Amino acid sequence: MNRGDVYWVELPGPWGRRPAVILTRQEGLSFLTSVTVGPITSTLRHAPTWVRLGIEDGLPHESSVNLDSIQTIRADRLGERVTRLSPERMRQVSRAARFALALDES
């Protein structure tokens, strides 16, 4: 399991089963029992907190990571690994997460 990996997960509530990208820092993955993920949806939005993904990213169809809906789940809820996002795509995801959480503001 690595930061940037996309896994099938079972998320609570209406989210249900869907792919999600691991956002947890790499160093923490060896000892943490939970991981922070960005859910991936087939809804396509043009917003600073959404990052488009496609077939070139290893997904079966056009999708988006919704960084307004970041969730922390138990690591044992991760299912099958789908793909790993490229470093450039993860930079986009990181920028969107910082924006979603207002981490660039003073």
PDB file of N, CA and C in Angstrom:
ATOM      1  N   MET A   1       0.852  -1.174   0.000  1.00  0.00           N
ATOM      2  CA  MET A   1       0.000   0.000   0.000  1.00  0.00           C
ATOM      3  C   MET A   1       0.898   1.237   0.000  1.00  0.00           C
ATOM      4  N   ASN A   2       0.594   2.179  -0.910  1.00  0.00           N
ATOM      5  CA  ASN A   2       1.387   3.392  -1.047  1.00  0.00           C
ATOM      6  C   ASN A   2       0.488   4.601  -1.256  1.00  0.00           C
ATOM      7  N   ARG A   3       0.995   5.760  -0.865  1.00  0.00           N
ATOM      8  CA  ARG A   3       0.308   7.016  -1.171  1.00  0.00           C
ATOM      9  C   ARG A   3       0.153   7.102  -2.689  1.00  0.00           C
ATOM     10  N   GLY A   4      -1.024   7.450  -3.147  1.00  0.00           N
ATOM     11  CA  GLY A   4      -1.281   7.533  -4.581  1.00  0.00           C
ATOM     12  C   GLY A   4      -1.883   6.274  -5.171  1.00  0.00           C
ATOM     13  N   ASP A   5      -1.901   5.187  -4.398  1.00  0.00           N
ATOM     14  CA  ASP A   5      -2.570   3.973  -4.873  1.00  0.00           C
ATOM     15  C   ASP A   5      -4.082   4.186  -4.836  1.00  0.00           C
ATOM     16  N   VAL A   6      -4.757   3.601  -5.798  1.00  0.00           N
ATOM     17  CA  VAL A   6      -6.219   3.627  -5.844  1.00  0.00           C
ATOM     18  C   VAL A   6      -6.705   2.220  -5.517  1.00  0.00           C
ATOM     19  N   TYR A   7      -7.593   2.121  -4.523  1.00  0.00           N
ATOM     20  CA  TYR A   7      -8.172   0.850  -4.092  1.00  0.00           C
ATOM     21  C   TYR A   7      -9.686   0.929  -4.159  1.00  0.00           C
ATOM     22  N   TRP A   8     -10.313  -0.226  -4.313  1.00  0.00           N
ATOM     23  CA  TRP A   8     -11.745  -0.318  -4.085  1.00  0.00           C
ATOM     24  C   TRP A   8     -11.952  -0.249  -2.582  1.00  0.00           C
ATOM     25  N   VAL A   9     -12.920   0.554  -2.138  1.00  0.00           N
ATOM     26  CA  VAL A   9     -13.224   0.678  -0.715  1.00  0.00           C
ATOM     27  C   VAL A   9     -14.738   0.670  -0.529  1.00  0.00           C
ATOM     28  N   GLU A  10     -15.147   0.314   0.660  1.00  0.00           N
ATOM     29  CA  GLU A  10     -16.554   0.403   1.050  1.00  0.00           C
ATOM     30  C   GLU A  10     -16.654   1.590   2.002  1.00  0.00           C
ATOM     31  N   LEU A  11     -17.228   2.684   1.519  1.00  0.00           N
ATOM     32  CA  LEU A  11     -17.352   3.894   2.326  1.00  0.00           C
ATOM     33  C   LEU A  11     -18.732   3.940   2.963  1.00  0.00           C
ATOM     34  N   PRO A  12     -18.844   4.602   4.111  1.00  0.00           N
ATOM     35  CA  PRO A  12     -20.132   4.651   4.806  1.00  0.00           C
ATOM     36  C   PRO A  12     -21.165   5.492   4.061  1.00  0.00           C
ATOM     37  N   GLY A  13     -22.408   5.253   4.416  1.00  0.00           N
ATOM     38  CA  GLY A  13     -23.503   6.055   3.893  1.00  0.00           C
ATOM     39  C   GLY A  13     -23.716   5.893   2.403  1.00  0.00           C
ATOM     40  N   PRO A  14     -24.117   6.978   1.756  1.00  0.00           N
ATOM     41  CA  PRO A  14     -24.478   6.893   0.340  1.00  0.00           C
ATOM     42  C   PRO A  14     -23.287   6.658  -0.591  1.00  0.00           C
ATOM     43  N   TRP A  15     -22.071   6.819  -0.082  1.00  0.00           N
ATOM     44  CA  TRP A  15     -20.900   6.617  -0.945  1.00  0.00           C
ATOM     45  C   TRP A  15     -20.809   5.182  -1.417  1.00  0.00           C
ATOM     46  N   GLY A  16     -20.985   4.230  -0.516  1.00  0.00           N
ATOM     47  CA  GLY A  16     -20.931   2.817  -0.890  1.00  0.00           C
ATOM     48  C   GLY A  16     -19.575   2.388  -1.428  1.00  0.00           C
ATOM     49  N   ARG A  17     -19.599   1.348  -2.265  1.00  0.00           N
ATOM     50  CA  ARG A  17     -18.361   0.776  -2.815  1.00  0.00           C
ATOM     51  C   ARG A  17     -17.918   1.596  -4.022  1.00  0.00           C
ATOM     52  N   ARG A  18     -16.650   2.021  -3.981  1.00  0.00           N
ATOM     53  CA  ARG A  18     -16.099   2.835  -5.064  1.00  0.00           C
ATOM     54  C   ARG A  18     -14.581   2.869  -4.940  1.00  0.00           C
ATOM     55  N   PRO A  19     -13.884   3.288  -5.990  1.00  0.00           N
ATOM     56  CA  PRO A  19     -12.441   3.474  -5.860  1.00  0.00           C
ATOM     57  C   PRO A  19     -12.147   4.743  -5.061  1.00  0.00           C
ATOM     58  N   ALA A  20     -11.006   4.733  -4.392  1.00  0.00           N
ATOM     59  CA  ALA A  20     -10.548   5.906  -3.639  1.00  0.00           C
ATOM     60  C   ALA A  20      -9.026   5.911  -3.660  1.00  0.00           C
ATOM     61  N   VAL A  21      -8.457   7.105  -3.669  1.00  0.00           N
ATOM     62  CA  VAL A  21      -7.001   7.247  -3.704  1.00  0.00           C
ATOM     63  C   VAL A  21      -6.477   7.479  -2.287  1.00  0.00           C
ATOM     64  N   ILE A  22      -5.391   6.801  -1.942  1.00  0.00           N
ATOM     65  CA  ILE A  22      -4.776   6.956  -0.624  1.00  0.00           C
ATOM     66  C   ILE A  22      -4.042   8.288  -0.571  1.00  0.00           C
ATOM     67  N   LEU A  23      -4.373   9.094   0.454  1.00  0.00           N
ATOM     68  CA  LEU A  23      -3.771  10.405   0.648  1.00  0.00           C
ATOM     69  C   LEU A  23      -2.793  10.433   1.818  1.00  0.00           C
ATOM     70  N   THR A  24      -2.850   9.437   2.682  1.00  0.00           N
ATOM     71  CA  THR A  24      -1.983   9.388   3.858  1.00  0.00           C
ATOM     72  C   THR A  24      -0.519   9.459   3.441  1.00  0.00           C
ATOM     73  N   ARG A  25       0.280  10.201   4.222  1.00  0.00           N
ATOM     74  CA  ARG A  25       1.714  10.312   3.917  1.00  0.00           C
ATOM     75  C   ARG A  25       2.351   8.933   3.937  1.00  0.00           C
ATOM     76  N   GLN A  26       3.295   8.724   3.045  1.00  0.00           N
ATOM     77  CA  GLN A  26       3.930   7.416   2.870  1.00  0.00           C
ATOM     78  C   GLN A  26       4.523   6.890   4.173  1.00  0.00           C
ATOM     79  N   GLU A  27       5.184   7.760   4.924  1.00  0.00           N
ATOM     80  CA  GLU A  27       5.863   7.333   6.154  1.00  0.00           C
ATOM     81  C   GLU A  27       4.899   6.756   7.184  1.00  0.00           C
ATOM     82  N   GLY A  28       3.654   7.201   7.185  1.00  0.00           N
ATOM     83  CA  GLY A  28       2.691   6.720   8.165  1.00  0.00           C
ATOM     84  C   GLY A  28       2.027   5.406   7.817  1.00  0.00           C
ATOM     85  N   LEU A  29       2.119   5.013   6.565  1.00  0.00           N
ATOM     86  CA  LEU A  29       1.389   3.819   6.133  1.00  0.00           C
ATOM     87  C   LEU A  29       1.909   2.530   6.761  1.00  0.00           C
ATOM     88  N   SER A  30       3.149   2.523   7.224  1.00  0.00           N
ATOM     89  CA  SER A  30       3.715   1.297   7.796  1.00  0.00           C
ATOM     90  C   SER A  30       3.220   1.025   9.216  1.00  0.00           C
ATOM     91  N   PHE A  31       2.676   2.045   9.899  1.00  0.00           N
ATOM     92  CA  PHE A  31       2.262   1.812  11.286  1.00  0.00           C
ATOM     93  C   PHE A  31       0.838   2.265  11.603  1.00  0.00           C
ATOM     94  N   LEU A  32       0.223   3.052  10.757  1.00  0.00           N
ATOM     95  CA  LEU A  32      -1.144   3.502  11.023  1.00  0.00           C
ATOM     96  C   LEU A  32      -2.153   2.400  10.693  1.00  0.00           C
ATOM     97  N   THR A  33      -3.207   2.323  11.474  1.00  0.00           N
ATOM     98  CA  THR A  33      -4.259   1.336  11.210  1.00  0.00           C
ATOM     99  C   THR A  33      -5.417   1.942  10.420  1.00  0.00           C
ATOM    100  N   SER A  34      -5.320   3.232  10.135  1.00  0.00           N
ATOM    101  CA  SER A  34      -6.324   3.885   9.298  1.00  0.00           C
ATOM    102  C   SER A  34      -5.617   4.684   8.208  1.00  0.00           C
ATOM    103  N   VAL A  35      -6.339   4.946   7.134  1.00  0.00           N
ATOM    104  CA  VAL A  35      -5.795   5.707   6.012  1.00  0.00           C
ATOM    105  C   VAL A  35      -6.802   6.782   5.611  1.00  0.00           C
ATOM    106  N   THR A  36      -6.278   7.880   5.120  1.00  0.00           N
ATOM    107  CA  THR A  36      -7.117   8.952   4.610  1.00  0.00           C
ATOM    108  C   THR A  36      -7.201   8.794   3.102  1.00  0.00           C
ATOM    109  N   VAL A  37      -8.424   8.858   2.582  1.00  0.00           N
ATOM    110  CA  VAL A  37      -8.641   8.614   1.153  1.00  0.00           C
ATOM    111  C   VAL A  37      -9.489   9.723   0.542  1.00  0.00           C
ATOM    112  N   GLY A  38      -9.308   9.880  -0.756  1.00  0.00           N
ATOM    113  CA  GLY A  38     -10.161  10.758  -1.548  1.00  0.00           C
ATOM    114  C   GLY A  38     -11.060   9.895  -2.407  1.00  0.00           C
ATOM    115  N   PRO A  39     -12.378   9.949  -2.204  1.00  0.00           N
ATOM    116  CA  PRO A  39     -13.280   9.120  -2.993  1.00  0.00           C
ATOM    117  C   PRO A  39     -13.294   9.540  -4.464  1.00  0.00           C
ATOM    118  N   ILE A  40     -13.410   8.548  -5.320  1.00  0.00           N
ATOM    119  CA  ILE A  40     -13.460   8.767  -6.762  1.00  0.00           C
ATOM    120  C   ILE A  40     -14.890   8.526  -7.226  1.00  0.00           C
ATOM    121  N   THR A  41     -15.372   9.423  -8.059  1.00  0.00           N
ATOM    122  CA  THR A  41     -16.753   9.376  -8.523  1.00  0.00           C
ATOM    123  C   THR A  41     -16.805   9.508 -10.041  1.00  0.00           C
ATOM    124  N   SER A  42     -17.868   9.027 -10.622  1.00  0.00           N
ATOM    125  CA  SER A  42     -18.051   9.187 -12.066  1.00  0.00           C
ATOM    126  C   SER A  42     -18.603  10.570 -12.407  1.00  0.00           C
ATOM    127  N   THR A  43     -19.000  11.334 -11.385  1.00  0.00           N
ATOM    128  CA  THR A  43     -19.429  12.714 -11.609  1.00  0.00           C
ATOM    129  C   THR A  43     -18.214  13.541 -12.007  1.00  0.00           C
ATOM    130  N   LEU A  44     -18.345  14.320 -13.053  1.00  0.00           N
ATOM    131  CA  LEU A  44     -17.241  15.147 -13.537  1.00  0.00           C
ATOM    132  C   LEU A  44     -17.580  16.610 -13.281  1.00  0.00           C
ATOM    133  N   ARG A  45     -16.770  17.250 -12.425  1.00  0.00           N
ATOM    134  CA  ARG A  45     -16.997  18.661 -12.110  1.00  0.00           C
ATOM    135  C   ARG A  45     -15.725  19.446 -12.379  1.00  0.00           C
ATOM    136  N   HIS A  46     -15.897  20.676 -12.779  1.00  0.00           N
ATOM    137  CA  HIS A  46     -14.768  21.591 -12.942  1.00  0.00           C
ATOM    138  C   HIS A  46     -14.731  22.469 -11.698  1.00  0.00           C
ATOM    139  N   ALA A  47     -13.959  22.054 -10.713  1.00  0.00           N
ATOM    140  CA  ALA A  47     -13.847  22.791  -9.459  1.00  0.00           C
ATOM    141  C   ALA A  47     -12.427  22.609  -8.940  1.00  0.00           C
ATOM    142  N   PRO A  48     -11.922  23.561  -8.168  1.00  0.00           N
ATOM    143  CA  PRO A  48     -10.541  23.454  -7.683  1.00  0.00           C
ATOM    144  C   PRO A  48     -10.321  22.312  -6.694  1.00  0.00           C
ATOM    145  N   THR A  49     -11.393  21.723  -6.207  1.00  0.00           N
ATOM    146  CA  THR A  49     -11.275  20.618  -5.251  1.00  0.00           C
ATOM    147  C   THR A  49     -11.542  19.259  -5.885  1.00  0.00           C
ATOM    148  N   TRP A  50     -11.679  19.233  -7.191  1.00  0.00           N
ATOM    149  CA  TRP A  50     -11.910  17.992  -7.937  1.00  0.00           C
ATOM    150  C   TRP A  50     -10.782  17.820  -8.941  1.00  0.00           C
ATOM    151  N   VAL A  51     -10.294  16.592  -9.079  1.00  0.00           N
ATOM    152  CA  VAL A  51      -9.234  16.289 -10.046  1.00  0.00           C
ATOM    153  C   VAL A  51      -9.748  15.208 -10.986  1.00  0.00           C
ATOM    154  N   ARG A  52      -9.716  15.514 -12.260  1.00  0.00           N
ATOM    155  CA  ARG A  52     -10.158  14.547 -13.280  1.00  0.00           C
ATOM    156  C   ARG A  52      -9.161  13.415 -13.419  1.00  0.00           C
ATOM    157  N   LEU A  53      -9.681  12.208 -13.561  1.00  0.00           N
ATOM    158  CA  LEU A  53      -8.886  11.012 -13.825  1.00  0.00           C
ATOM    159  C   LEU A  53      -9.484  10.327 -15.038  1.00  0.00           C
ATOM    160  N   GLY A  54      -8.660   9.563 -15.737  1.00  0.00           N
ATOM    161  CA  GLY A  54      -9.171   8.875 -16.912  1.00  0.00           C
ATOM    162  C   GLY A  54      -8.517   7.536 -17.131  1.00  0.00           C
ATOM    163  N   ILE A  55      -8.737   7.011 -18.300  1.00  0.00           N
ATOM    164  CA  ILE A  55      -8.171   5.717 -18.676  1.00  0.00           C
ATOM    165  C   ILE A  55      -6.651   5.754 -18.589  1.00  0.00           C
ATOM    166  N   GLU A  56      -6.057   6.905 -18.941  1.00  0.00           N
ATOM    167  CA  GLU A  56      -4.597   7.038 -18.874  1.00  0.00           C
ATOM    168  C   GLU A  56      -4.072   6.942 -17.443  1.00  0.00           C
ATOM    169  N   ASP A  57      -4.956   7.107 -16.447  1.00  0.00           N
ATOM    170  CA  ASP A  57      -4.577   6.970 -15.039  1.00  0.00           C
ATOM    171  C   ASP A  57      -4.817   5.560 -14.511  1.00  0.00           C
ATOM    172  N   GLY A  58      -5.317   4.672 -15.359  1.00  0.00           N
ATOM    173  CA  GLY A  58      -5.576   3.303 -14.938  1.00  0.00           C
ATOM    174  C   GLY A  58      -6.988   3.059 -14.444  1.00  0.00           C
ATOM    175  N   LEU A  59      -7.872   4.040 -14.614  1.00  0.00           N
ATOM    176  CA  LEU A  59      -9.274   3.881 -14.230  1.00  0.00           C
ATOM    177  C   LEU A  59     -10.059   3.342 -15.420  1.00  0.00           C
ATOM    178  N   PRO A  60     -11.158   2.629 -15.174  1.00  0.00           N
ATOM    179  CA  PRO A  60     -11.916   2.046 -16.280  1.00  0.00           C
ATOM    180  C   PRO A  60     -12.659   3.079 -17.129  1.00  0.00           C
ATOM    181  N   HIS A  61     -12.915   4.281 -16.584  1.00  0.00           N
ATOM    182  CA  HIS A  61     -13.621   5.333 -17.329  1.00  0.00           C
ATOM    183  C   HIS A  61     -13.284   6.688 -16.719  1.00  0.00           C
ATOM    184  N   GLU A  62     -13.715   7.747 -17.376  1.00  0.00           N
ATOM    185  CA  GLU A  62     -13.488   9.095 -16.864  1.00  0.00           C
ATOM    186  C   GLU A  62     -14.108   9.222 -15.476  1.00  0.00           C
ATOM    187  N   SER A  63     -13.345   9.793 -14.559  1.00  0.00           N
ATOM    188  CA  SER A  63     -13.765   9.918 -13.168  1.00  0.00           C
ATOM    189  C   SER A  63     -13.162  11.188 -12.587  1.00  0.00           C
ATOM    190  N   SER A  64     -13.508  11.468 -11.338  1.00  0.00           N
ATOM    191  CA  SER A  64     -12.916  12.587 -10.610  1.00  0.00           C
ATOM    192  C   SER A  64     -12.669  12.172  -9.171  1.00  0.00           C
ATOM    193  N   VAL A  65     -11.580  12.688  -8.595  1.00  0.00           N
ATOM    194  CA  VAL A  65     -11.360  12.572  -7.154  1.00  0.00           C
ATOM    195  C   VAL A  65     -12.023  13.794  -6.526  1.00  0.00           C
ATOM    196  N   ASN A  66     -12.889  13.558  -5.565  1.00  0.00           N
ATOM    197  CA  ASN A  66     -13.599  14.637  -4.881  1.00  0.00           C
ATOM    198  C   ASN A  66     -12.883  14.921  -3.563  1.00  0.00           C
ATOM    199  N   LEU A  67     -12.052  15.966  -3.535  1.00  0.00           N
ATOM    200  CA  LEU A  67     -11.283  16.285  -2.338  1.00  0.00           C
ATOM    201  C   LEU A  67     -12.081  17.086  -1.319  1.00  0.00           C
ATOM    202  N   ASP A  68     -13.318  17.443  -1.630  1.00  0.00           N
ATOM    203  CA  ASP A  68     -14.204  18.023  -0.621  1.00  0.00           C
ATOM    204  C   ASP A  68     -14.770  16.940   0.288  1.00  0.00           C
ATOM    205  N   SER A  69     -14.580  15.680  -0.089  1.00  0.00           N
ATOM    206  CA  SER A  69     -15.180  14.563   0.656  1.00  0.00           C
ATOM    207  C   SER A  69     -14.128  13.588   1.171  1.00  0.00           C
ATOM    208  N   ILE A  70     -12.976  14.110   1.563  1.00  0.00           N
ATOM    209  CA  ILE A  70     -11.907  13.281   2.123  1.00  0.00           C
ATOM    210  C   ILE A  70     -12.440  12.543   3.348  1.00  0.00           C
ATOM    211  N   GLN A  71     -12.063  11.261   3.469  1.00  0.00           N
ATOM    212  CA  GLN A  71     -12.498  10.440   4.597  1.00  0.00           C
ATOM    213  C   GLN A  71     -11.330   9.630   5.141  1.00  0.00           C
ATOM    214  N   THR A  72     -11.384   9.320   6.420  1.00  0.00           N
ATOM    215  CA  THR A  72     -10.409   8.424   7.036  1.00  0.00           C
ATOM    216  C   THR A  72     -11.132   7.128   7.378  1.00  0.00           C
ATOM    217  N   ILE A  73     -10.547   6.022   6.924  1.00  0.00           N
ATOM    218  CA  ILE A  73     -11.161   4.704   7.117  1.00  0.00           C
ATOM    219  C   ILE A  73     -10.121   3.738   7.670  1.00  0.00           C
ATOM    220  N   ARG A  74     -10.581   2.648   8.231  1.00  0.00           N
ATOM    221  CA  ARG A  74      -9.661   1.593   8.671  1.00  0.00           C
ATOM    222  C   ARG A  74      -8.970   0.999   7.450  1.00  0.00           C
ATOM    223  N   ALA A  75      -7.692   0.744   7.575  1.00  0.00           N
ATOM    224  CA  ALA A  75      -6.920   0.204   6.450  1.00  0.00           C
ATOM    225  C   ALA A  75      -7.449  -1.155   6.012  1.00  0.00           C
ATOM    226  N   ASP A  76      -8.052  -1.908   6.936  1.00  0.00           N
ATOM    227  CA  ASP A  76      -8.556  -3.231   6.555  1.00  0.00           C
ATOM    228  C   ASP A  76      -9.830  -3.140   5.704  1.00  0.00           C
ATOM    229  N   ARG A  77     -10.325  -1.932   5.452  1.00  0.00           N
ATOM    230  CA  ARG A  77     -11.480  -1.756   4.564  1.00  0.00           C
ATOM    231  C   ARG A  77     -11.061  -1.563   3.110  1.00  0.00           C
ATOM    232  N   LEU A  78      -9.737  -1.541   2.868  1.00  0.00           N
ATOM    233  CA  LEU A  78      -9.254  -1.443   1.493  1.00  0.00           C
ATOM    234  C   LEU A  78      -9.456  -2.779   0.802  1.00  0.00           C
ATOM    235  N   GLY A  79      -9.995  -2.735  -0.383  1.00  0.00           N
ATOM    236  CA  GLY A  79     -10.192  -3.947  -1.169  1.00  0.00           C
ATOM    237  C   GLY A  79      -9.068  -4.137  -2.167  1.00  0.00           C
ATOM    238  N   GLU A  80      -9.437  -4.470  -3.376  1.00  0.00           N
ATOM    239  CA  GLU A  80      -8.464  -4.734  -4.439  1.00  0.00           C
ATOM    240  C   GLU A  80      -7.844  -3.428  -4.945  1.00  0.00           C
ATOM    241  N   ARG A  81      -6.534  -3.480  -5.192  1.00  0.00           N
ATOM    242  CA  ARG A  81      -5.829  -2.323  -5.744  1.00  0.00           C
ATOM    243  C   ARG A  81      -6.194  -2.178  -7.218  1.00  0.00           C
ATOM    244  N   VAL A  82      -6.484  -0.944  -7.640  1.00  0.00           N
ATOM    245  CA  VAL A  82      -6.882  -0.658  -9.018  1.00  0.00           C
ATOM    246  C   VAL A  82      -5.695  -0.162  -9.832  1.00  0.00           C
ATOM    247  N   THR A  83      -4.967   0.821  -9.299  1.00  0.00           N
ATOM    248  CA  THR A  83      -3.870   1.452 -10.030  1.00  0.00           C
ATOM    249  C   THR A  83      -3.062   2.317  -9.069  1.00  0.00           C
ATOM    250  N   ARG A  84      -2.026   2.925  -9.561  1.00  0.00           N
ATOM    251  CA  ARG A  84      -1.277   3.940  -8.816  1.00  0.00           C
ATOM    252  C   ARG A  84      -1.237   5.194  -9.680  1.00  0.00           C
ATOM    253  N   LEU A  85      -1.597   6.331  -9.100  1.00  0.00           N
ATOM    254  CA  LEU A  85      -1.566   7.584  -9.840  1.00  0.00           C
ATOM    255  C   LEU A  85      -0.129   8.061 -10.022  1.00  0.00           C
ATOM    256  N   SER A  86       0.126   8.725 -11.120  1.00  0.00           N
ATOM    257  CA  SER A  86       1.462   9.243 -11.427  1.00  0.00           C
ATOM    258  C   SER A  86       1.837  10.353 -10.443  1.00  0.00           C
ATOM    259  N   PRO A  87       3.136  10.619 -10.287  1.00  0.00           N
ATOM    260  CA  PRO A  87       3.556  11.727  -9.416  1.00  0.00           C
ATOM    261  C   PRO A  87       2.911  13.061  -9.818  1.00  0.00           C
ATOM    262  N   GLU A  88       2.813  13.332 -11.110  1.00  0.00           N
ATOM    263  CA  GLU A  88       2.185  14.590 -11.553  1.00  0.00           C
ATOM    264  C   GLU A  88       0.712  14.634 -11.165  1.00  0.00           C
ATOM    265  N   ARG A  89      -0.003  13.523 -11.340  1.00  0.00           N
ATOM    266  CA  ARG A  89      -1.421  13.500 -10.963  1.00  0.00           C
ATOM    267  C   ARG A  89      -1.556  13.674  -9.444  1.00  0.00           C
ATOM    268  N   MET A  90      -0.645  13.070  -8.670  1.00  0.00           N
ATOM    269  CA  MET A  90      -0.711  13.225  -7.212  1.00  0.00           C
ATOM    270  C   MET A  90      -0.393  14.655  -6.785  1.00  0.00           C
ATOM    271  N   ARG A  91       0.441  15.363  -7.532  1.00  0.00           N
ATOM    272  CA  ARG A  91       0.663  16.782  -7.233  1.00  0.00           C
ATOM    273  C   ARG A  91      -0.643  17.560  -7.416  1.00  0.00           C
ATOM    274  N   GLN A  92      -1.398  17.224  -8.449  1.00  0.00           N
ATOM    275  CA  GLN A  92      -2.698  17.870  -8.666  1.00  0.00           C
ATOM    276  C   GLN A  92      -3.665  17.537  -7.530  1.00  0.00           C
ATOM    277  N   VAL A  93      -3.669  16.275  -7.113  1.00  0.00           N
ATOM    278  CA  VAL A  93      -4.528  15.844  -6.006  1.00  0.00           C
ATOM    279  C   VAL A  93      -4.130  16.583  -4.727  1.00  0.00           C
ATOM    280  N   SER A  94      -2.839  16.693  -4.467  1.00  0.00           N
ATOM    281  CA  SER A  94      -2.361  17.385  -3.262  1.00  0.00           C
ATOM    282  C   SER A  94      -2.765  18.853  -3.271  1.00  0.00           C
ATOM    283  N   ARG A  95      -2.637  19.517  -4.410  1.00  0.00           N
ATOM    284  CA  ARG A  95      -3.051  20.926  -4.514  1.00  0.00           C
ATOM    285  C   ARG A  95      -4.550  21.069  -4.237  1.00  0.00           C
ATOM    286  N   ALA A  96      -5.336  20.163  -4.794  1.00  0.00           N
ATOM    287  CA  ALA A  96      -6.786  20.217  -4.581  1.00  0.00           C
ATOM    288  C   ALA A  96      -7.139  19.959  -3.115  1.00  0.00           C
ATOM    289  N   ALA A  97      -6.424  19.049  -2.468  1.00  0.00           N
ATOM    290  CA  ALA A  97      -6.673  18.763  -1.048  1.00  0.00           C
ATOM    291  C   ALA A  97      -6.301  19.972  -0.188  1.00  0.00           C
ATOM    292  N   ARG A  98      -5.172  20.606  -0.487  1.00  0.00           N
ATOM    293  CA  ARG A  98      -4.788  21.813   0.258  1.00  0.00           C
ATOM    294  C   ARG A  98      -5.855  22.895   0.106  1.00  0.00           C
ATOM    295  N   PHE A  99      -6.375  23.057  -1.111  1.00  0.00           N
ATOM    296  CA  PHE A  99      -7.423  24.048  -1.342  1.00  0.00           C
ATOM    297  C   PHE A  99      -8.686  23.680  -0.564  1.00  0.00           C
ATOM    298  N   ALA A 100      -9.083  22.415  -0.620  1.00  0.00           N
ATOM    299  CA  ALA A 100     -10.301  21.957   0.059  1.00  0.00           C
ATOM    300  C   ALA A 100     -10.231  22.190   1.564  1.00  0.00           C
ATOM    301  N   LEU A 101      -9.043  22.034   2.131  1.00  0.00           N
ATOM    302  CA  LEU A 101      -8.868  22.169   3.579  1.00  0.00           C
ATOM    303  C   LEU A 101      -8.358  23.551   3.982  1.00  0.00           C
ATOM    304  N   ALA A 102      -8.238  24.461   3.016  1.00  0.00           N
ATOM    305  CA  ALA A 102      -7.750  25.828   3.250  1.00  0.00           C
ATOM    306  C   ALA A 102      -6.389  25.824   3.943  1.00  0.00           C
ATOM    307  N   LEU A 103      -5.506  24.910   3.551  1.00  0.00           N
ATOM    308  CA  LEU A 103      -4.193  24.798   4.183  1.00  0.00           C
ATOM    309  C   LEU A 103      -3.203  25.838   3.674  1.00  0.00           C
ATOM    310  N   ASP A 104      -3.513  26.510   2.579  1.00  0.00           N
ATOM    311  CA  ASP A 104      -2.619  27.538   2.053  1.00  0.00           C
ATOM    312  C   ASP A 104      -2.921  28.914   2.634  1.00  0.00           C
ATOM    313  N   GLU A 105      -3.977  29.010   3.417  1.00  0.00           N
ATOM    314  CA  GLU A 105      -4.348  30.297   4.006  1.00  0.00           C
ATOM    315  C   GLU A 105      -3.596  30.518   5.304  1.00  0.00           C
ATOM    316  N   SER A 106      -3.365  31.768   5.638  1.00  0.00           N
ATOM    317  CA  SER A 106      -2.676  32.095   6.903  1.00  0.00           C
ATOM    318  C   SER A 106      -3.647  32.114   8.047  1.00  0.00           C
TER     319      SER A 106
END
